Amino acid sequence: MADMEACVRGGLGALPVSRLFVRAIRPGRTACIVVHAVVPDGTALDVAEADRLRGAILARLAARHGPMVADVIFTTVEAYAAPAAGNTGMTAAPDGSRATQAAWQDAAPCKEGDGTASPA
């Protein structure tokens, strides 16, 4: 796992990262890797730059840990990245601000096929 994190950090280059979460399992020959990089609010990161960084991370991981399936996600909301997101009482509100789970207890439940989401 430490080697995977080193690969990810190398691919991130100079991007400021306040927290990094790397999770991996290898149910057979293929590693399944999920990376959440929490960047500080106000970090200049557009889609093209995020894709460039994602490509660098995937290339480094594949060279050391392939075959693999990997997701690399960038966020400014730590609650979206933390391993227990949605289960600790701390989560992000639908507008992206930080809020407690109780803040949206009255949210409407999901309806089949309407694409809405409610707290877990």
N, C-alpha and C. Protein backbone atom coordinates (compact mmCIF):
# COMPACT_ATOMS: atom_id res chain seq x y z
N MET A 1 0.81 -1.19 0.00
CA MET A 1 0.00 0.00 0.00
C MET A 1 0.86 1.26 0.00
N ALA A 2 1.95 1.24 0.75
CA ALA A 2 2.83 2.41 0.78
C ALA A 2 3.40 2.71 -0.60
N ASP A 3 3.70 1.65 -1.36
CA ASP A 3 4.22 1.85 -2.71
C ASP A 3 3.15 2.46 -3.62
N MET A 4 1.91 2.03 -3.45
CA MET A 4 0.81 2.62 -4.23
C MET A 4 0.67 4.11 -3.92
N GLU A 5 0.72 4.45 -2.64
CA GLU A 5 0.62 5.85 -2.26
C GLU A 5 1.79 6.65 -2.83
N ALA A 6 2.97 6.09 -2.84
CA ALA A 6 4.13 6.78 -3.42
C ALA A 6 3.93 7.01 -4.91
N CYS A 7 3.37 6.03 -5.62
CA CYS A 7 3.07 6.19 -7.04
C CYS A 7 2.09 7.34 -7.24
N VAL A 8 1.06 7.39 -6.41
CA VAL A 8 0.05 8.44 -6.52
C VAL A 8 0.66 9.80 -6.24
N ARG A 9 1.41 9.90 -5.16
CA ARG A 9 2.03 11.19 -4.83
C ARG A 9 2.97 11.66 -5.93
N GLY A 10 3.69 10.74 -6.53
CA GLY A 10 4.57 11.11 -7.64
C GLY A 10 3.79 11.63 -8.83
N GLY A 11 2.64 11.03 -9.11
CA GLY A 11 1.81 11.49 -10.22
C GLY A 11 1.14 12.82 -9.96
N LEU A 12 0.91 13.15 -8.68
CA LEU A 12 0.28 14.41 -8.34
C LEU A 12 1.21 15.60 -8.53
N GLY A 13 2.51 15.33 -8.57
CA GLY A 13 3.47 16.41 -8.79
C GLY A 13 3.34 17.51 -7.75
N ALA A 14 3.20 18.75 -8.22
CA ALA A 14 3.18 19.91 -7.34
C ALA A 14 1.78 20.29 -6.87
N LEU A 15 0.76 19.50 -7.23
CA LEU A 15 -0.60 19.83 -6.80
C LEU A 15 -0.68 19.81 -5.27
N PRO A 16 -1.19 20.89 -4.66
CA PRO A 16 -1.33 20.86 -3.20
C PRO A 16 -2.44 19.89 -2.82
N VAL A 17 -2.14 18.98 -1.91
CA VAL A 17 -3.10 17.98 -1.45
C VAL A 17 -3.14 18.03 0.07
N SER A 18 -4.34 18.30 0.63
CA SER A 18 -4.44 18.37 2.08
C SER A 18 -4.63 16.99 2.71
N ARG A 19 -5.27 16.06 2.00
CA ARG A 19 -5.41 14.67 2.46
C ARG A 19 -5.40 13.76 1.24
N LEU A 20 -4.88 12.58 1.41
CA LEU A 20 -4.86 11.61 0.32
C LEU A 20 -5.32 10.27 0.88
N PHE A 21 -6.32 9.70 0.22
CA PHE A 21 -6.84 8.40 0.61
C PHE A 21 -6.62 7.44 -0.55
N VAL A 22 -5.90 6.35 -0.31
CA VAL A 22 -5.66 5.32 -1.32
C VAL A 22 -6.18 4.01 -0.75
N ARG A 23 -7.12 3.41 -1.46
CA ARG A 23 -7.69 2.13 -1.03
C ARG A 23 -7.47 1.13 -2.15
N ALA A 24 -7.15 -0.10 -1.80
CA ALA A 24 -6.91 -1.11 -2.82
C ALA A 24 -7.27 -2.50 -2.32
N ILE A 25 -7.77 -3.29 -3.24
CA ILE A 25 -7.97 -4.71 -2.99
C ILE A 25 -7.49 -5.45 -4.24
N ARG A 26 -7.11 -6.69 -4.05
CA ARG A 26 -6.70 -7.52 -5.18
C ARG A 26 -7.45 -8.85 -5.04
N PRO A 27 -8.69 -8.90 -5.58
CA PRO A 27 -9.49 -10.11 -5.42
C PRO A 27 -8.99 -11.29 -6.24
N GLY A 28 -8.07 -11.06 -7.11
CA GLY A 28 -7.48 -12.11 -7.95
C GLY A 28 -6.18 -11.55 -8.48
N ARG A 29 -6.03 -11.55 -9.78
CA ARG A 29 -4.81 -10.98 -10.39
C ARG A 29 -4.91 -9.48 -10.62
N THR A 30 -6.13 -8.94 -10.60
CA THR A 30 -6.33 -7.53 -10.91
C THR A 30 -6.51 -6.72 -9.63
N ALA A 31 -5.71 -5.65 -9.48
CA ALA A 31 -5.85 -4.75 -8.35
C ALA A 31 -6.97 -3.75 -8.65
N CYS A 32 -7.80 -3.49 -7.67
CA CYS A 32 -8.83 -2.46 -7.75
C CYS A 32 -8.42 -1.35 -6.81
N ILE A 33 -8.14 -0.18 -7.36
CA ILE A 33 -7.55 0.92 -6.60
C ILE A 33 -8.47 2.14 -6.69
N VAL A 34 -8.74 2.76 -5.55
CA VAL A 34 -9.53 3.99 -5.51
C VAL A 34 -8.68 5.05 -4.81
N VAL A 35 -8.52 6.18 -5.48
CA VAL A 35 -7.72 7.29 -4.95
C VAL A 35 -8.64 8.50 -4.81
N HIS A 36 -8.66 9.09 -3.63
CA HIS A 36 -9.34 10.36 -3.41
C HIS A 36 -8.28 11.37 -2.97
N ALA A 37 -8.10 12.42 -3.74
CA ALA A 37 -7.17 13.49 -3.38
C ALA A 37 -8.00 14.70 -2.96
N VAL A 38 -7.83 15.12 -1.71
CA VAL A 38 -8.52 16.30 -1.21
C VAL A 38 -7.59 17.49 -1.41
N VAL A 39 -8.04 18.43 -2.21
CA VAL A 39 -7.24 19.63 -2.48
C VAL A 39 -7.85 20.80 -1.71
N PRO A 40 -7.02 21.77 -1.31
CA PRO A 40 -7.54 22.92 -0.56
C PRO A 40 -8.54 23.72 -1.39
N ASP A 41 -9.53 24.31 -0.70
CA ASP A 41 -10.46 25.21 -1.37
C ASP A 41 -9.67 26.26 -2.15
N GLY A 42 -10.14 26.59 -3.33
CA GLY A 42 -9.50 27.62 -4.13
C GLY A 42 -8.37 27.12 -5.01
N THR A 43 -8.07 25.83 -4.95
CA THR A 43 -7.01 25.27 -5.79
C THR A 43 -7.45 25.36 -7.25
N ALA A 44 -6.58 25.89 -8.08
CA ALA A 44 -6.88 25.98 -9.51
C ALA A 44 -6.67 24.60 -10.14
N LEU A 45 -7.78 23.93 -10.46
CA LEU A 45 -7.70 22.61 -11.06
C LEU A 45 -8.89 22.44 -12.00
N ASP A 46 -8.61 22.58 -13.30
CA ASP A 46 -9.69 22.40 -14.26
C ASP A 46 -9.71 20.94 -14.73
N VAL A 47 -10.70 20.60 -15.53
CA VAL A 47 -10.87 19.21 -15.96
C VAL A 47 -9.65 18.71 -16.74
N ALA A 48 -9.12 19.54 -17.62
CA ALA A 48 -7.95 19.12 -18.41
C ALA A 48 -6.75 18.81 -17.51
N GLU A 49 -6.51 19.66 -16.52
CA GLU A 49 -5.39 19.42 -15.61
C GLU A 49 -5.65 18.19 -14.74
N ALA A 50 -6.90 18.02 -14.27
CA ALA A 50 -7.24 16.84 -13.49
C ALA A 50 -7.01 15.58 -14.31
N ASP A 51 -7.39 15.61 -15.59
CA ASP A 51 -7.18 14.45 -16.46
C ASP A 51 -5.70 14.18 -16.70
N ARG A 52 -4.91 15.23 -16.82
CA ARG A 52 -3.47 15.05 -17.00
C ARG A 52 -2.86 14.38 -15.77
N LEU A 53 -3.24 14.87 -14.58
CA LEU A 53 -2.74 14.28 -13.34
C LEU A 53 -3.23 12.84 -13.19
N ARG A 54 -4.49 12.61 -13.51
CA ARG A 54 -5.06 11.26 -13.43
C ARG A 54 -4.27 10.32 -14.33
N GLY A 55 -3.96 10.75 -15.54
CA GLY A 55 -3.17 9.93 -16.46
C GLY A 55 -1.79 9.60 -15.92
N ALA A 56 -1.15 10.59 -15.31
CA ALA A 56 0.18 10.36 -14.72
C ALA A 56 0.10 9.36 -13.58
N ILE A 57 -0.93 9.47 -12.76
CA ILE A 57 -1.11 8.54 -11.64
C ILE A 57 -1.38 7.13 -12.15
N LEU A 58 -2.29 7.02 -13.12
CA LEU A 58 -2.63 5.70 -13.67
C LEU A 58 -1.41 5.03 -14.31
N ALA A 59 -0.61 5.81 -15.02
CA ALA A 59 0.59 5.25 -15.66
C ALA A 59 1.56 4.72 -14.61
N ARG A 60 1.76 5.48 -13.53
CA ARG A 60 2.67 5.03 -12.47
C ARG A 60 2.14 3.78 -11.78
N LEU A 61 0.83 3.77 -11.48
CA LEU A 61 0.25 2.60 -10.83
C LEU A 61 0.32 1.37 -11.73
N ALA A 62 0.00 1.53 -13.00
CA ALA A 62 0.00 0.40 -13.93
C ALA A 62 1.40 -0.19 -14.08
N ALA A 63 2.41 0.67 -14.08
CA ALA A 63 3.79 0.19 -14.24
C ALA A 63 4.22 -0.68 -13.06
N ARG A 64 3.69 -0.41 -11.88
CA ARG A 64 4.10 -1.15 -10.68
C ARG A 64 3.10 -2.18 -10.20
N HIS A 65 1.80 -1.96 -10.52
CA HIS A 65 0.76 -2.78 -9.90
C HIS A 65 -0.25 -3.33 -10.90
N GLY A 66 0.06 -3.29 -12.20
CA GLY A 66 -0.88 -3.82 -13.19
C GLY A 66 -0.90 -5.33 -13.16
N PRO A 67 -1.94 -5.99 -13.66
CA PRO A 67 -3.14 -5.36 -14.20
C PRO A 67 -3.99 -4.75 -13.08
N MET A 68 -4.72 -3.69 -13.43
CA MET A 68 -5.47 -2.97 -12.41
C MET A 68 -6.65 -2.24 -13.01
N VAL A 69 -7.56 -1.89 -12.14
CA VAL A 69 -8.66 -0.98 -12.43
C VAL A 69 -8.53 0.11 -11.38
N ALA A 70 -8.52 1.36 -11.79
CA ALA A 70 -8.32 2.43 -10.81
C ALA A 70 -9.21 3.62 -11.11
N ASP A 71 -9.66 4.26 -10.04
CA ASP A 71 -10.39 5.52 -10.11
C ASP A 71 -9.59 6.55 -9.33
N VAL A 72 -9.45 7.74 -9.91
CA VAL A 72 -8.76 8.84 -9.25
C VAL A 72 -9.73 10.01 -9.21
N ILE A 73 -10.05 10.45 -8.01
CA ILE A 73 -11.07 11.47 -7.80
C ILE A 73 -10.46 12.64 -7.03
N PHE A 74 -10.76 13.85 -7.50
CA PHE A 74 -10.30 15.07 -6.84
C PHE A 74 -11.51 15.75 -6.21
N THR A 75 -11.36 16.25 -4.98
CA THR A 75 -12.44 16.95 -4.30
C THR A 75 -11.84 17.95 -3.32
N THR A 76 -12.64 18.94 -2.94
CA THR A 76 -12.24 19.85 -1.86
C THR A 76 -12.96 19.49 -0.57
N VAL A 77 -13.87 18.52 -0.62
CA VAL A 77 -14.68 18.14 0.54
C VAL A 77 -14.17 16.82 1.10
N GLU A 78 -13.50 16.89 2.23
CA GLU A 78 -12.90 15.69 2.81
C GLU A 78 -13.94 14.61 3.11
N ALA A 79 -15.15 15.00 3.45
CA ALA A 79 -16.19 14.03 3.76
C ALA A 79 -16.50 13.14 2.55
N TYR A 80 -16.30 13.64 1.34
CA TYR A 80 -16.53 12.82 0.15
C TYR A 80 -15.40 11.81 -0.04
N ALA A 81 -14.25 12.04 0.56
CA ALA A 81 -13.08 11.20 0.35
C ALA A 81 -12.81 10.23 1.50
N ALA A 82 -13.22 10.59 2.69
CA ALA A 82 -12.90 9.80 3.88
C ALA A 82 -13.48 8.40 3.78
N PRO A 83 -12.77 7.41 4.30
CA PRO A 83 -13.21 6.02 4.18
C PRO A 83 -14.63 5.74 4.68
N ALA A 84 -15.09 6.46 5.68
CA ALA A 84 -16.43 6.20 6.23
C ALA A 84 -17.43 7.26 5.79
N ALA A 85 -17.20 7.90 4.67
CA ALA A 85 -18.08 8.98 4.22
C ALA A 85 -19.54 8.54 4.27
N GLY A 86 -20.36 9.36 4.93
CA GLY A 86 -21.78 9.07 5.03
C GLY A 86 -22.15 8.21 6.22
N ASN A 87 -21.18 7.63 6.91
CA ASN A 87 -21.50 6.74 8.02
C ASN A 87 -21.04 7.28 9.36
N THR A 88 -20.42 8.44 9.38
CA THR A 88 -19.87 8.97 10.63
C THR A 88 -20.70 10.10 11.20
N GLY A 89 -21.79 10.49 10.53
CA GLY A 89 -22.56 11.64 10.96
C GLY A 89 -22.02 12.91 10.36
N MET A 90 -20.83 12.88 9.76
CA MET A 90 -20.25 14.04 9.09
C MET A 90 -20.24 13.75 7.61
N THR A 91 -20.82 14.62 6.88
CA THR A 91 -20.86 14.43 5.43
C THR A 91 -20.94 15.80 4.79
N ALA A 92 -21.01 15.84 3.51
CA ALA A 92 -21.14 17.11 2.81
C ALA A 92 -22.59 17.29 2.40
N ALA A 93 -23.09 18.49 2.56
CA ALA A 93 -24.45 18.81 2.15
C ALA A 93 -24.52 18.81 0.63
N PRO A 94 -25.72 18.71 0.06
CA PRO A 94 -25.85 18.68 -1.39
C PRO A 94 -25.20 19.86 -2.11
N ASP A 95 -25.06 21.01 -1.43
CA ASP A 95 -24.43 22.16 -2.07
C ASP A 95 -22.91 22.15 -1.95
N GLY A 96 -22.35 21.08 -1.35
CA GLY A 96 -20.91 20.96 -1.23
C GLY A 96 -20.36 21.49 0.08
N SER A 97 -21.17 22.20 0.86
CA SER A 97 -20.70 22.71 2.15
C SER A 97 -20.68 21.57 3.17
N ARG A 98 -19.93 21.79 4.23
CA ARG A 98 -19.88 20.77 5.26
C ARG A 98 -21.11 20.89 6.15
N ALA A 99 -21.69 19.77 6.48
CA ALA A 99 -22.88 19.77 7.34
C ALA A 99 -22.97 18.43 8.03
N THR A 100 -23.73 18.37 9.10
CA THR A 100 -23.94 17.08 9.74
C THR A 100 -25.08 16.35 9.06
N GLN A 101 -25.11 15.06 9.23
CA GLN A 101 -26.16 14.24 8.64
C GLN A 101 -27.53 14.76 9.07
N ALA A 102 -27.65 15.22 10.31
CA ALA A 102 -28.94 15.70 10.82
C ALA A 102 -29.44 16.90 10.02
N ALA A 103 -28.53 17.63 9.40
CA ALA A 103 -28.93 18.83 8.66
C ALA A 103 -29.82 18.50 7.47
N TRP A 104 -29.76 17.28 6.98
CA TRP A 104 -30.66 16.94 5.88
C TRP A 104 -31.45 15.67 6.12
N GLN A 105 -31.82 15.45 7.39
CA GLN A 105 -32.68 14.32 7.72
C GLN A 105 -34.03 14.43 7.03
N ASP A 106 -34.49 15.64 6.82
CA ASP A 106 -35.80 15.83 6.21
C ASP A 106 -35.75 15.81 4.69
N ALA A 107 -34.61 15.49 4.12
CA ALA A 107 -34.49 15.45 2.65
C ALA A 107 -35.44 14.39 2.10
N ALA A 108 -35.97 14.68 0.93
CA ALA A 108 -36.90 13.74 0.30
C ALA A 108 -36.16 12.46 -0.06
N PRO A 109 -36.78 11.31 0.15
CA PRO A 109 -36.13 10.05 -0.23
C PRO A 109 -36.04 9.91 -1.75
N CYS A 110 -35.15 9.05 -2.19
CA CYS A 110 -35.01 8.78 -3.62
C CYS A 110 -36.28 8.15 -4.13
N LYS A 111 -36.62 8.50 -5.34
CA LYS A 111 -37.72 7.85 -6.03
C LYS A 111 -37.14 7.07 -7.18
N GLU A 112 -37.65 5.90 -7.42
CA GLU A 112 -37.15 5.03 -8.47
C GLU A 112 -37.02 5.78 -9.80
N GLY A 113 -35.79 5.85 -10.30
CA GLY A 113 -35.56 6.40 -11.64
C GLY A 113 -35.55 7.90 -11.78
N ASP A 114 -35.68 8.66 -10.66
CA ASP A 114 -35.71 10.12 -10.83
C ASP A 114 -34.34 10.77 -10.69
N GLY A 115 -33.32 10.00 -10.33
CA GLY A 115 -31.96 10.53 -10.26
C GLY A 115 -31.67 11.34 -9.01
N THR A 116 -32.60 11.44 -8.07
CA THR A 116 -32.34 12.20 -6.84
C THR A 116 -31.66 11.31 -5.83
N ALA A 117 -31.01 11.93 -4.88
CA ALA A 117 -30.32 11.17 -3.84
C ALA A 117 -30.70 11.73 -2.48
N SER A 118 -30.74 10.89 -1.49
CA SER A 118 -30.97 11.33 -0.12
C SER A 118 -29.84 10.78 0.73
N PRO A 119 -29.67 11.31 1.95
CA PRO A 119 -28.58 10.85 2.81
C PRO A 119 -28.69 9.35 3.09
N ALA A 120 -27.54 8.72 3.26
CA ALA A 120 -27.52 7.28 3.58
C ALA A 120 -27.89 7.06 5.01
